[in-house]
PDB file of N, CA and C in Angstrom:
ATOM      1  N   MET A   1      -4.825 -81.050  27.586  1.00  0.00           N
ATOM      2  CA  MET A   1      -4.980 -79.881  28.434  1.00  0.00           C
ATOM      3  C   MET A   1      -4.822 -78.619  27.592  1.00  0.00           C
ATOM      4  N   LEU A   2      -5.674 -77.660  27.776  1.00  0.00           N
ATOM      5  CA  LEU A   2      -5.671 -76.431  26.976  1.00  0.00           C
ATOM      6  C   LEU A   2      -4.360 -75.672  27.073  1.00  0.00           C
ATOM      7  N   ASP A   3      -3.798 -75.549  28.289  1.00  0.00           N
ATOM      8  CA  ASP A   3      -2.565 -74.790  28.471  1.00  0.00           C
ATOM      9  C   ASP A   3      -1.430 -75.312  27.603  1.00  0.00           C
ATOM     10  N   LYS A   4      -1.368 -76.626  27.423  1.00  0.00           N
ATOM     11  CA  LYS A   4      -0.305 -77.223  26.615  1.00  0.00           C
ATOM     12  C   LYS A   4      -0.411 -76.768  25.157  1.00  0.00           C
ATOM     13  N   ALA A   5      -1.623 -76.550  24.677  1.00  0.00           N
ATOM     14  CA  ALA A   5      -1.799 -76.104  23.298  1.00  0.00           C
ATOM     15  C   ALA A   5      -1.342 -74.652  23.132  1.00  0.00           C
ATOM     16  N   LEU A   6      -1.558 -73.835  24.144  1.00  0.00           N
ATOM     17  CA  LEU A   6      -1.201 -72.419  24.072  1.00  0.00           C
ATOM     18  C   LEU A   6       0.302 -72.207  24.072  1.00  0.00           C
ATOM     19  N   VAL A   7       0.978 -72.862  25.013  1.00  0.00           N
ATOM     20  CA  VAL A   7       2.419 -72.691  25.191  1.00  0.00           C
ATOM     21  C   VAL A   7       3.028 -74.058  25.406  1.00  0.00           C
ATOM     22  N   ARG A   8       4.068 -74.371  24.629  1.00  0.00           N
ATOM     23  CA  ARG A   8       4.733 -75.670  24.806  1.00  0.00           C
ATOM     24  C   ARG A   8       6.234 -75.469  24.921  1.00  0.00           C
ATOM     25  N   ASP A   9       6.859 -76.314  25.719  1.00  0.00           N
ATOM     26  CA  ASP A   9       8.306 -76.232  25.880  1.00  0.00           C
ATOM     27  C   ASP A   9       9.017 -76.557  24.578  1.00  0.00           C
ATOM     28  N   ALA A  10      10.122 -75.883  24.365  1.00  0.00           N
ATOM     29  CA  ALA A  10      10.979 -76.117  23.202  1.00  0.00           C
ATOM     30  C   ALA A  10      12.421 -75.979  23.682  1.00  0.00           C
ATOM     31  N   LYS A  11      13.362 -76.372  22.880  1.00  0.00           N
ATOM     32  CA  LYS A  11      14.767 -76.275  23.262  1.00  0.00           C
ATOM     33  C   LYS A  11      15.136 -74.810  23.514  1.00  0.00           C
ATOM     34  N   GLY A  12      15.561 -74.512  24.725  1.00  0.00           N
ATOM     35  CA  GLY A  12      15.992 -73.160  25.070  1.00  0.00           C
ATOM     36  C   GLY A  12      14.876 -72.196  25.431  1.00  0.00           C
ATOM     37  N   GLY A  13      13.636 -72.691  25.513  1.00  0.00           N
ATOM     38  CA  GLY A  13      12.524 -71.796  25.841  1.00  0.00           C
ATOM     39  C   GLY A  13      11.195 -72.463  25.596  1.00  0.00           C
ATOM     40  N   SER A  14      10.276 -71.718  24.991  1.00  0.00           N
ATOM     41  CA  SER A  14       8.959 -72.267  24.678  1.00  0.00           C
ATOM     42  C   SER A  14       8.386 -71.583  23.439  1.00  0.00           C
ATOM     43  N   VAL A  15       7.317 -72.149  22.925  1.00  0.00           N
ATOM     44  CA  VAL A  15       6.641 -71.616  21.742  1.00  0.00           C
ATOM     45  C   VAL A  15       5.203 -71.292  22.137  1.00  0.00           C
ATOM     46  N   ILE A  16       4.798 -70.063  21.845  1.00  0.00           N
ATOM     47  CA  ILE A  16       3.446 -69.605  22.138  1.00  0.00           C
ATOM     48  C   ILE A  16       2.651 -69.574  20.838  1.00  0.00           C
ATOM     49  N   ALA A  17       1.469 -70.174  20.849  1.00  0.00           N
ATOM     50  CA  ALA A  17       0.562 -70.120  19.700  1.00  0.00           C
ATOM     51  C   ALA A  17      -0.260 -68.840  19.838  1.00  0.00           C
ATOM     52  N   VAL A  18      -0.164 -67.962  18.830  1.00  0.00           N
ATOM     53  CA  VAL A  18      -0.794 -66.648  18.901  1.00  0.00           C
ATOM     54  C   VAL A  18      -1.679 -66.404  17.687  1.00  0.00           C
ATOM     55  N   GLU A  19      -2.865 -65.871  17.938  1.00  0.00           N
ATOM     56  CA  GLU A  19      -3.768 -65.418  16.877  1.00  0.00           C
ATOM     57  C   GLU A  19      -3.789 -63.897  16.952  1.00  0.00           C
ATOM     58  N   VAL A  20      -3.364 -63.236  15.886  1.00  0.00           N
ATOM     59  CA  VAL A  20      -3.184 -61.789  15.887  1.00  0.00           C
ATOM     60  C   VAL A  20      -4.276 -61.089  15.084  1.00  0.00           C
ATOM     61  N   SER A  21      -4.771 -59.986  15.663  1.00  0.00           N
ATOM     62  CA  SER A  21      -5.711 -59.112  14.959  1.00  0.00           C
ATOM     63  C   SER A  21      -5.045 -57.748  14.831  1.00  0.00           C
ATOM     64  N   PRO A  22      -4.650 -57.344  13.613  1.00  0.00           N
ATOM     65  CA  PRO A  22      -3.985 -56.050  13.432  1.00  0.00           C
ATOM     66  C   PRO A  22      -4.971 -54.882  13.428  1.00  0.00           C
ATOM     67  N   ASN A  23      -4.435 -53.681  13.377  1.00  0.00           N
ATOM     68  CA  ASN A  23      -5.200 -52.426  13.276  1.00  0.00           C
ATOM     69  C   ASN A  23      -6.083 -52.145  14.488  1.00  0.00           C
ATOM     70  N   ALA A  24      -5.671 -52.570  15.665  1.00  0.00           N
ATOM     71  CA  ALA A  24      -6.433 -52.306  16.885  1.00  0.00           C
ATOM     72  C   ALA A  24      -6.091 -50.914  17.405  1.00  0.00           C
ATOM     73  N   SER A  25      -6.925 -50.398  18.290  1.00  0.00           N
ATOM     74  CA  SER A  25      -6.650 -49.086  18.884  1.00  0.00           C
ATOM     75  C   SER A  25      -5.527 -49.179  19.903  1.00  0.00           C
ATOM     76  N   GLU A  26      -5.348 -50.361  20.526  1.00  0.00           N
ATOM     77  CA  GLU A  26      -4.229 -50.575  21.434  1.00  0.00           C
ATOM     78  C   GLU A  26      -3.825 -52.036  21.379  1.00  0.00           C
ATOM     79  N   THR A  27      -2.582 -52.306  21.763  1.00  0.00           N
ATOM     80  CA  THR A  27      -2.090 -53.675  21.758  1.00  0.00           C
ATOM     81  C   THR A  27      -2.417 -54.315  23.096  1.00  0.00           C
ATOM     82  N   GLU A  28      -3.063 -55.491  23.025  1.00  0.00           N
ATOM     83  CA  GLU A  28      -3.468 -56.160  24.259  1.00  0.00           C
ATOM     84  C   GLU A  28      -3.808 -57.619  23.996  1.00  0.00           C
ATOM     85  N   ILE A  29      -3.709 -58.425  25.053  1.00  0.00           N
ATOM     86  CA  ILE A  29      -4.185 -59.798  24.999  1.00  0.00           C
ATOM     87  C   ILE A  29      -5.675 -59.741  25.286  1.00  0.00           C
ATOM     88  N   THR A  30      -6.461 -60.327  24.396  1.00  0.00           N
ATOM     89  CA  THR A  30      -7.913 -60.263  24.568  1.00  0.00           C
ATOM     90  C   THR A  30      -8.507 -61.569  25.085  1.00  0.00           C
ATOM     91  N   GLY A  31      -7.700 -62.615  25.166  1.00  0.00           N
ATOM     92  CA  GLY A  31      -8.203 -63.876  25.677  1.00  0.00           C
ATOM     93  C   GLY A  31      -7.562 -65.059  24.998  1.00  0.00           C
ATOM     94  N   VAL A  32      -8.315 -66.143  24.980  1.00  0.00           N
ATOM     95  CA  VAL A  32      -7.840 -67.394  24.404  1.00  0.00           C
ATOM     96  C   VAL A  32      -8.888 -67.920  23.440  1.00  0.00           C
ATOM     97  N   ASN A  33      -8.452 -68.299  22.251  1.00  0.00           N
ATOM     98  CA  ASN A  33      -9.330 -68.982  21.313  1.00  0.00           C
ATOM     99  C   ASN A  33      -9.221 -70.462  21.663  1.00  0.00           C
ATOM    100  N   LYS A  34     -10.179 -70.973  22.445  1.00  0.00           N
ATOM    101  CA  LYS A  34     -10.119 -72.349  22.933  1.00  0.00           C
ATOM    102  C   LYS A  34     -10.248 -73.362  21.797  1.00  0.00           C
ATOM    103  N   TRP A  35     -10.986 -73.001  20.766  1.00  0.00           N
ATOM    104  CA  TRP A  35     -11.154 -73.900  19.634  1.00  0.00           C
ATOM    105  C   TRP A  35      -9.825 -74.129  18.909  1.00  0.00           C
ATOM    106  N   ARG A  36      -9.073 -73.055  18.713  1.00  0.00           N
ATOM    107  CA  ARG A  36      -7.774 -73.152  18.037  1.00  0.00           C
ATOM    108  C   ARG A  36      -6.622 -73.399  18.994  1.00  0.00           C
ATOM    109  N   GLY A  37      -6.827 -73.163  20.284  1.00  0.00           N
ATOM    110  CA  GLY A  37      -5.749 -73.330  21.255  1.00  0.00           C
ATOM    111  C   GLY A  37      -4.691 -72.258  21.082  1.00  0.00           C
ATOM    112  N   MET A  38      -5.144 -70.990  20.945  1.00  0.00           N
ATOM    113  CA  MET A  38      -4.222 -69.885  20.695  1.00  0.00           C
ATOM    114  C   MET A  38      -4.533 -68.689  21.584  1.00  0.00           C
ATOM    115  N   VAL A  39      -3.486 -67.972  21.977  1.00  0.00           N
ATOM    116  CA  VAL A  39      -3.639 -66.722  22.703  1.00  0.00           C
ATOM    117  C   VAL A  39      -4.058 -65.665  21.687  1.00  0.00           C
ATOM    118  N   GLN A  40      -5.099 -64.897  21.981  1.00  0.00           N
ATOM    119  CA  GLN A  40      -5.565 -63.854  21.068  1.00  0.00           C
ATOM    120  C   GLN A  40      -4.935 -62.520  21.466  1.00  0.00           C
ATOM    121  N   VAL A  41      -4.293 -61.872  20.493  1.00  0.00           N
ATOM    122  CA  VAL A  41      -3.649 -60.590  20.737  1.00  0.00           C
ATOM    123  C   VAL A  41      -4.073 -59.607  19.657  1.00  0.00           C
ATOM    124  N   ARG A  42      -4.568 -58.447  20.088  1.00  0.00           N
ATOM    125  CA  ARG A  42      -4.859 -57.345  19.159  1.00  0.00           C
ATOM    126  C   ARG A  42      -3.629 -56.454  19.153  1.00  0.00           C
ATOM    127  N   VAL A  43      -3.178 -56.063  17.965  1.00  0.00           N
ATOM    128  CA  VAL A  43      -2.003 -55.195  17.875  1.00  0.00           C
ATOM    129  C   VAL A  43      -2.342 -53.873  17.208  1.00  0.00           C
ATOM    130  N   ALA A  44      -1.759 -52.813  17.749  1.00  0.00           N
ATOM    131  CA  ALA A  44      -1.997 -51.460  17.244  1.00  0.00           C
ATOM    132  C   ALA A  44      -0.995 -51.145  16.138  1.00  0.00           C
ATOM    133  N   ALA A  45      -1.055 -51.944  15.081  1.00  0.00           N
ATOM    134  CA  ALA A  45      -0.192 -51.745  13.920  1.00  0.00           C
ATOM    135  C   ALA A  45      -0.864 -52.418  12.731  1.00  0.00           C
ATOM    136  N   PRO A  46      -0.612 -51.903  11.541  1.00  0.00           N
ATOM    137  CA  PRO A  46      -1.202 -52.525  10.355  1.00  0.00           C
ATOM    138  C   PRO A  46      -0.446 -53.790   9.950  1.00  0.00           C
ATOM    139  N   ALA A  47      -1.132 -54.657   9.251  1.00  0.00           N
ATOM    140  CA  ALA A  47      -0.513 -55.885   8.730  1.00  0.00           C
ATOM    141  C   ALA A  47       0.177 -55.543   7.410  1.00  0.00           C
ATOM    142  N   ARG A  48       1.161 -54.697   7.493  1.00  0.00           N
ATOM    143  CA  ARG A  48       1.871 -54.219   6.310  1.00  0.00           C
ATOM    144  C   ARG A  48       3.347 -54.048   6.637  1.00  0.00           C
ATOM    145  N   ASP A  49       4.208 -54.520   5.775  1.00  0.00           N
ATOM    146  CA  ASP A  49       5.657 -54.358   5.903  1.00  0.00           C
ATOM    147  C   ASP A  49       6.198 -54.857   7.241  1.00  0.00           C
ATOM    148  N   GLY A  50       5.572 -55.875   7.816  1.00  0.00           N
ATOM    149  CA  GLY A  50       6.047 -56.460   9.063  1.00  0.00           C
ATOM    150  C   GLY A  50       5.738 -55.652  10.318  1.00  0.00           C
ATOM    151  N   ALA A  51       4.953 -54.583  10.186  1.00  0.00           N
ATOM    152  CA  ALA A  51       4.661 -53.716  11.329  1.00  0.00           C
ATOM    153  C   ALA A  51       3.897 -54.455  12.433  1.00  0.00           C
ATOM    154  N   ALA A  52       2.915 -55.264  12.080  1.00  0.00           N
ATOM    155  CA  ALA A  52       2.145 -56.000  13.087  1.00  0.00           C
ATOM    156  C   ALA A  52       3.022 -57.034  13.788  1.00  0.00           C
ATOM    157  N   ASN A  53       3.893 -57.703  13.041  1.00  0.00           N
ATOM    158  CA  ASN A  53       4.812 -58.670  13.639  1.00  0.00           C
ATOM    159  C   ASN A  53       5.755 -57.976  14.620  1.00  0.00           C
ATOM    160  N   GLU A  54       6.282 -56.840  14.234  1.00  0.00           N
ATOM    161  CA  GLU A  54       7.191 -56.084  15.091  1.00  0.00           C
ATOM    162  C   GLU A  54       6.490 -55.637  16.370  1.00  0.00           C
ATOM    163  N   GLU A  55       5.265 -55.178  16.253  1.00  0.00           N
ATOM    164  CA  GLU A  55       4.500 -54.753  17.422  1.00  0.00           C
ATOM    165  C   GLU A  55       4.181 -55.945  18.324  1.00  0.00           C
ATOM    166  N   LEU A  56       3.863 -57.076  17.741  1.00  0.00           N
ATOM    167  CA  LEU A  56       3.588 -58.281  18.521  1.00  0.00           C
ATOM    168  C   LEU A  56       4.813 -58.679  19.341  1.00  0.00           C
ATOM    169  N   VAL A  57       5.968 -58.720  18.715  1.00  0.00           N
ATOM    170  CA  VAL A  57       7.203 -59.091  19.420  1.00  0.00           C
ATOM    171  C   VAL A  57       7.527 -58.067  20.504  1.00  0.00           C
ATOM    172  N   ARG A  58       7.356 -56.783  20.206  1.00  0.00           N
ATOM    173  CA  ARG A  58       7.605 -55.738  21.200  1.00  0.00           C
ATOM    174  C   ARG A  58       6.703 -55.927  22.419  1.00  0.00           C
ATOM    175  N   TYR A  59       5.421 -56.124  22.161  1.00  0.00           N
ATOM    176  CA  TYR A  59       4.453 -56.274  23.238  1.00  0.00           C
ATOM    177  C   TYR A  59       4.733 -57.527  24.075  1.00  0.00           C
ATOM    178  N   LEU A  60       4.944 -58.659  23.421  1.00  0.00           N
ATOM    179  CA  LEU A  60       5.180 -59.895  24.157  1.00  0.00           C
ATOM    180  C   LEU A  60       6.478 -59.831  24.963  1.00  0.00           C
ATOM    181  N   SER A  61       7.519 -59.208  24.408  1.00  0.00           N
ATOM    182  CA  SER A  61       8.773 -59.104  25.157  1.00  0.00           C
ATOM    183  C   SER A  61       8.581 -58.258  26.410  1.00  0.00           C
ATOM    184  N   GLU A  62       7.795 -57.199  26.286  1.00  0.00           N
ATOM    185  CA  GLU A  62       7.501 -56.349  27.445  1.00  0.00           C
ATOM    186  C   GLU A  62       6.635 -57.098  28.460  1.00  0.00           C
ATOM    187  N   ARG A  63       5.597 -57.742  27.996  1.00  0.00           N
ATOM    188  CA  ARG A  63       4.667 -58.465  28.874  1.00  0.00           C
ATOM    189  C   ARG A  63       5.361 -59.616  29.599  1.00  0.00           C
ATOM    190  N   LEU A  64       6.266 -60.299  28.887  1.00  0.00           N
ATOM    191  CA  LEU A  64       6.951 -61.455  29.453  1.00  0.00           C
ATOM    192  C   LEU A  64       8.236 -61.091  30.187  1.00  0.00           C
ATOM    193  N   GLY A  65       8.712 -59.860  30.003  1.00  0.00           N
ATOM    194  CA  GLY A  65       9.929 -59.430  30.676  1.00  0.00           C
ATOM    195  C   GLY A  65      11.184 -60.081  30.127  1.00  0.00           C
ATOM    196  N   VAL A  66      11.215 -60.281  28.816  1.00  0.00           N
ATOM    197  CA  VAL A  66      12.385 -60.867  28.161  1.00  0.00           C
ATOM    198  C   VAL A  66      12.843 -59.937  27.039  1.00  0.00           C
ATOM    199  N   PRO A  67      14.136 -59.973  26.676  1.00  0.00           N
ATOM    200  CA  PRO A  67      14.614 -59.116  25.595  1.00  0.00           C
ATOM    201  C   PRO A  67      14.059 -59.539  24.234  1.00  0.00           C
ATOM    202  N   ARG A  68      13.790 -58.552  23.398  1.00  0.00           N
ATOM    203  CA  ARG A  68      13.302 -58.843  22.035  1.00  0.00           C
ATOM    204  C   ARG A  68      14.265 -59.732  21.275  1.00  0.00           C
ATOM    205  N   SER A  69      15.550 -59.534  21.525  1.00  0.00           N
ATOM    206  CA  SER A  69      16.563 -60.296  20.785  1.00  0.00           C
ATOM    207  C   SER A  69      16.456 -61.796  21.015  1.00  0.00           C
ATOM    208  N   GLY A  70      15.826 -62.199  22.120  1.00  0.00           N
ATOM    209  CA  GLY A  70      15.669 -63.616  22.404  1.00  0.00           C
ATOM    210  C   GLY A  70      14.408 -64.224  21.822  1.00  0.00           C
ATOM    211  N   MET A  71      13.592 -63.395  21.196  1.00  0.00           N
ATOM    212  CA  MET A  71      12.311 -63.851  20.649  1.00  0.00           C
ATOM    213  C   MET A  71      12.358 -63.880  19.126  1.00  0.00           C
ATOM    214  N   ARG A  72      11.520 -64.749  18.562  1.00  0.00           N
ATOM    215  CA  ARG A  72      11.400 -64.754  17.100  1.00  0.00           C
ATOM    216  C   ARG A  72      10.100 -65.437  16.691  1.00  0.00           C
ATOM    217  N   ILE A  73       9.582 -64.998  15.570  1.00  0.00           N
ATOM    218  CA  ILE A  73       8.395 -65.641  15.011  1.00  0.00           C
ATOM    219  C   ILE A  73       8.883 -66.834  14.198  1.00  0.00           C
ATOM    220  N   LEU A  74       8.439 -68.018  14.574  1.00  0.00           N
ATOM    221  CA  LEU A  74       8.868 -69.242  13.898  1.00  0.00           C
ATOM    222  C   LEU A  74       8.020 -69.552  12.677  1.00  0.00           C
ATOM    223  N   ARG A  75       6.708 -69.348  12.813  1.00  0.00           N
ATOM    224  CA  ARG A  75       5.771 -69.624  11.716  1.00  0.00           C
ATOM    225  C   ARG A  75       4.705 -68.548  11.680  1.00  0.00           C
ATOM    226  N   GLY A  76       4.190 -68.292  10.481  1.00  0.00           N
ATOM    227  CA  GLY A  76       3.066 -67.384  10.335  1.00  0.00           C
ATOM    228  C   GLY A  76       3.432 -65.938  10.091  1.00  0.00           C
ATOM    229  N   HIS A  77       4.580 -65.678   9.487  1.00  0.00           N
ATOM    230  CA  HIS A  77       5.006 -64.296   9.226  1.00  0.00           C
ATOM    231  C   HIS A  77       3.964 -63.496   8.455  1.00  0.00           C
ATOM    232  N   THR A  78       3.237 -64.152   7.573  1.00  0.00           N
ATOM    233  CA  THR A  78       2.227 -63.441   6.776  1.00  0.00           C
ATOM    234  C   THR A  78       0.810 -63.912   7.087  1.00  0.00           C
ATOM    235  N   SER A  79       0.640 -64.551   8.226  1.00  0.00           N
ATOM    236  CA  SER A  79      -0.653 -65.090   8.643  1.00  0.00           C
ATOM    237  C   SER A  79      -1.072 -64.463   9.972  1.00  0.00           C
ATOM    238  N   THR A  80      -2.345 -64.572  10.299  1.00  0.00           N
ATOM    239  CA  THR A  80      -2.801 -64.099  11.605  1.00  0.00           C
ATOM    240  C   THR A  80      -2.512 -65.138  12.686  1.00  0.00           C
ATOM    241  N   MET A  81      -2.198 -66.366  12.297  1.00  0.00           N
ATOM    242  CA  MET A  81      -1.865 -67.413  13.249  1.00  0.00           C
ATOM    243  C   MET A  81      -0.359 -67.631  13.246  1.00  0.00           C
ATOM    244  N   LYS A  82       0.247 -67.433  14.414  1.00  0.00           N
ATOM    245  CA  LYS A  82       1.700 -67.449  14.510  1.00  0.00           C
ATOM    246  C   LYS A  82       2.190 -68.367  15.617  1.00  0.00           C
ATOM    247  N   ALA A  83       3.424 -68.794  15.490  1.00  0.00           N
ATOM    248  CA  ALA A  83       4.135 -69.513  16.541  1.00  0.00           C
ATOM    249  C   ALA A  83       5.319 -68.626  16.904  1.00  0.00           C
ATOM    250  N   VAL A  84       5.390 -68.209  18.176  1.00  0.00           N
ATOM    251  CA  VAL A  84       6.423 -67.275  18.622  1.00  0.00           C
ATOM    252  C   VAL A  84       7.297 -67.955  19.665  1.00  0.00           C
ATOM    253  N   PHE A  85       8.611 -67.979  19.410  1.00  0.00           N
ATOM    254  CA  PHE A  85       9.562 -68.537  20.373  1.00  0.00           C
ATOM    255  C   PHE A  85       9.898 -67.479  21.411  1.00  0.00           C
ATOM    256  N   VAL A  86       9.894 -67.888  22.688  1.00  0.00           N
ATOM    257  CA  VAL A  86      10.300 -67.010  23.788  1.00  0.00           C
ATOM    258  C   VAL A  86      11.287 -67.760  24.670  1.00  0.00           C
ATOM    259  N   PRO A  87      12.286 -67.062  25.217  1.00  0.00           N
ATOM    260  CA  PRO A  87      13.305 -67.721  26.034  1.00  0.00           C
ATOM    261  C   PRO A  87      12.862 -67.927  27.488  1.00  0.00           C
ATOM    262  N   LEU A  88      11.712 -68.555  27.672  1.00  0.00           N
ATOM    263  CA  LEU A  88      11.180 -68.898  28.990  1.00  0.00           C
ATOM    264  C   LEU A  88      10.604 -70.302  28.931  1.00  0.00           C
ATOM    265  N   ARG A  89      10.636 -71.013  30.038  1.00  0.00           N
ATOM    266  CA  ARG A  89       9.956 -72.300  30.108  1.00  0.00           C
ATOM    267  C   ARG A  89       8.454 -72.059  29.931  1.00  0.00           C
ATOM    268  N   ALA A  90       7.752 -73.021  29.392  1.00  0.00           N
ATOM    269  CA  ALA A  90       6.324 -72.872  29.090  1.00  0.00           C
ATOM    270  C   ALA A  90       5.517 -72.483  30.321  1.00  0.00           C
ATOM    271  N   GLU A  91       5.786 -73.116  31.441  1.00  0.00           N
ATOM    272  CA  GLU A  91       5.035 -72.822  32.661  1.00  0.00           C
ATOM    273  C   GLU A  91       5.192 -71.353  33.071  1.00  0.00           C
ATOM    274  N   GLU A  92       6.416 -70.835  32.988  1.00  0.00           N
ATOM    275  CA  GLU A  92       6.665 -69.442  33.357  1.00  0.00           C
ATOM    276  C   GLU A  92       6.065 -68.478  32.330  1.00  0.00           C
ATOM    277  N   ALA A  93       6.170 -68.805  31.062  1.00  0.00           N
ATOM    278  CA  ALA A  93       5.584 -67.955  30.016  1.00  0.00           C
ATOM    279  C   ALA A  93       4.077 -67.858  30.194  1.00  0.00           C
ATOM    280  N   LEU A  94       3.433 -68.964  30.474  1.00  0.00           N
ATOM    281  CA  LEU A  94       1.991 -68.984  30.682  1.00  0.00           C
ATOM    282  C   LEU A  94       1.603 -68.147  31.900  1.00  0.00           C
ATOM    283  N   ARG A  95       2.372 -68.265  32.962  1.00  0.00           N
ATOM    284  CA  ARG A  95       2.101 -67.469  34.168  1.00  0.00           C
ATOM    285  C   ARG A  95       2.212 -65.980  33.889  1.00  0.00           C
ATOM    286  N   ARG A  96       3.260 -65.583  33.156  1.00  0.00           N
ATOM    287  CA  ARG A  96       3.474 -64.168  32.859  1.00  0.00           C
ATOM    288  C   ARG A  96       2.451 -63.605  31.879  1.00  0.00           C
ATOM    289  N   LEU A  97       1.965 -64.458  30.977  1.00  0.00           N
ATOM    290  CA  LEU A  97       0.923 -64.011  30.047  1.00  0.00           C
ATOM    291  C   LEU A  97      -0.385 -63.742  30.792  1.00  0.00           C
ATOM    292  N   GLY A  98      -0.625 -64.516  31.841  1.00  0.00           N
ATOM    293  CA  GLY A  98      -1.833 -64.324  32.634  1.00  0.00           C
ATOM    294  C   GLY A  98      -3.106 -64.816  31.968  1.00  0.00           C
ATOM    295  N   VAL A  99      -2.988 -65.821  31.111  1.00  0.00           N
ATOM    296  CA  VAL A  99      -4.160 -66.409  30.460  1.00  0.00           C
ATOM    297  C   VAL A  99      -4.314 -67.851  30.890  1.00  0.00           C
ATOM    298  N   ARG A 100      -5.540 -68.314  30.880  1.00  0.00           N
ATOM    299  CA  ARG A 100      -5.839 -69.710  31.219  1.00  0.00           C
ATOM    300  C   ARG A 100      -6.956 -70.213  30.364  1.00  0.00           C
TER     301      ARG A 100
END
């Protein structure tokens, strides 16, 4: 099932598979890369000195309604493909993201 690839349950929350495009005019979810099974997010920050990662975490925490302190990038710190931990069950995270 596609949804399982996007967000999966993990101990204490879930992990979201994210494909990031930096240097956008605004930060937004643009859809789902069905081939990769990843949520596509454009971020309004450069891929330099962790700025895009920081903007991604800020945006997702706001969109999901969870504190930034509970989130972390698990994999892909220097890649456009990331795994982001969020302190929500996968089903709830998927609902709040609003992607299918």
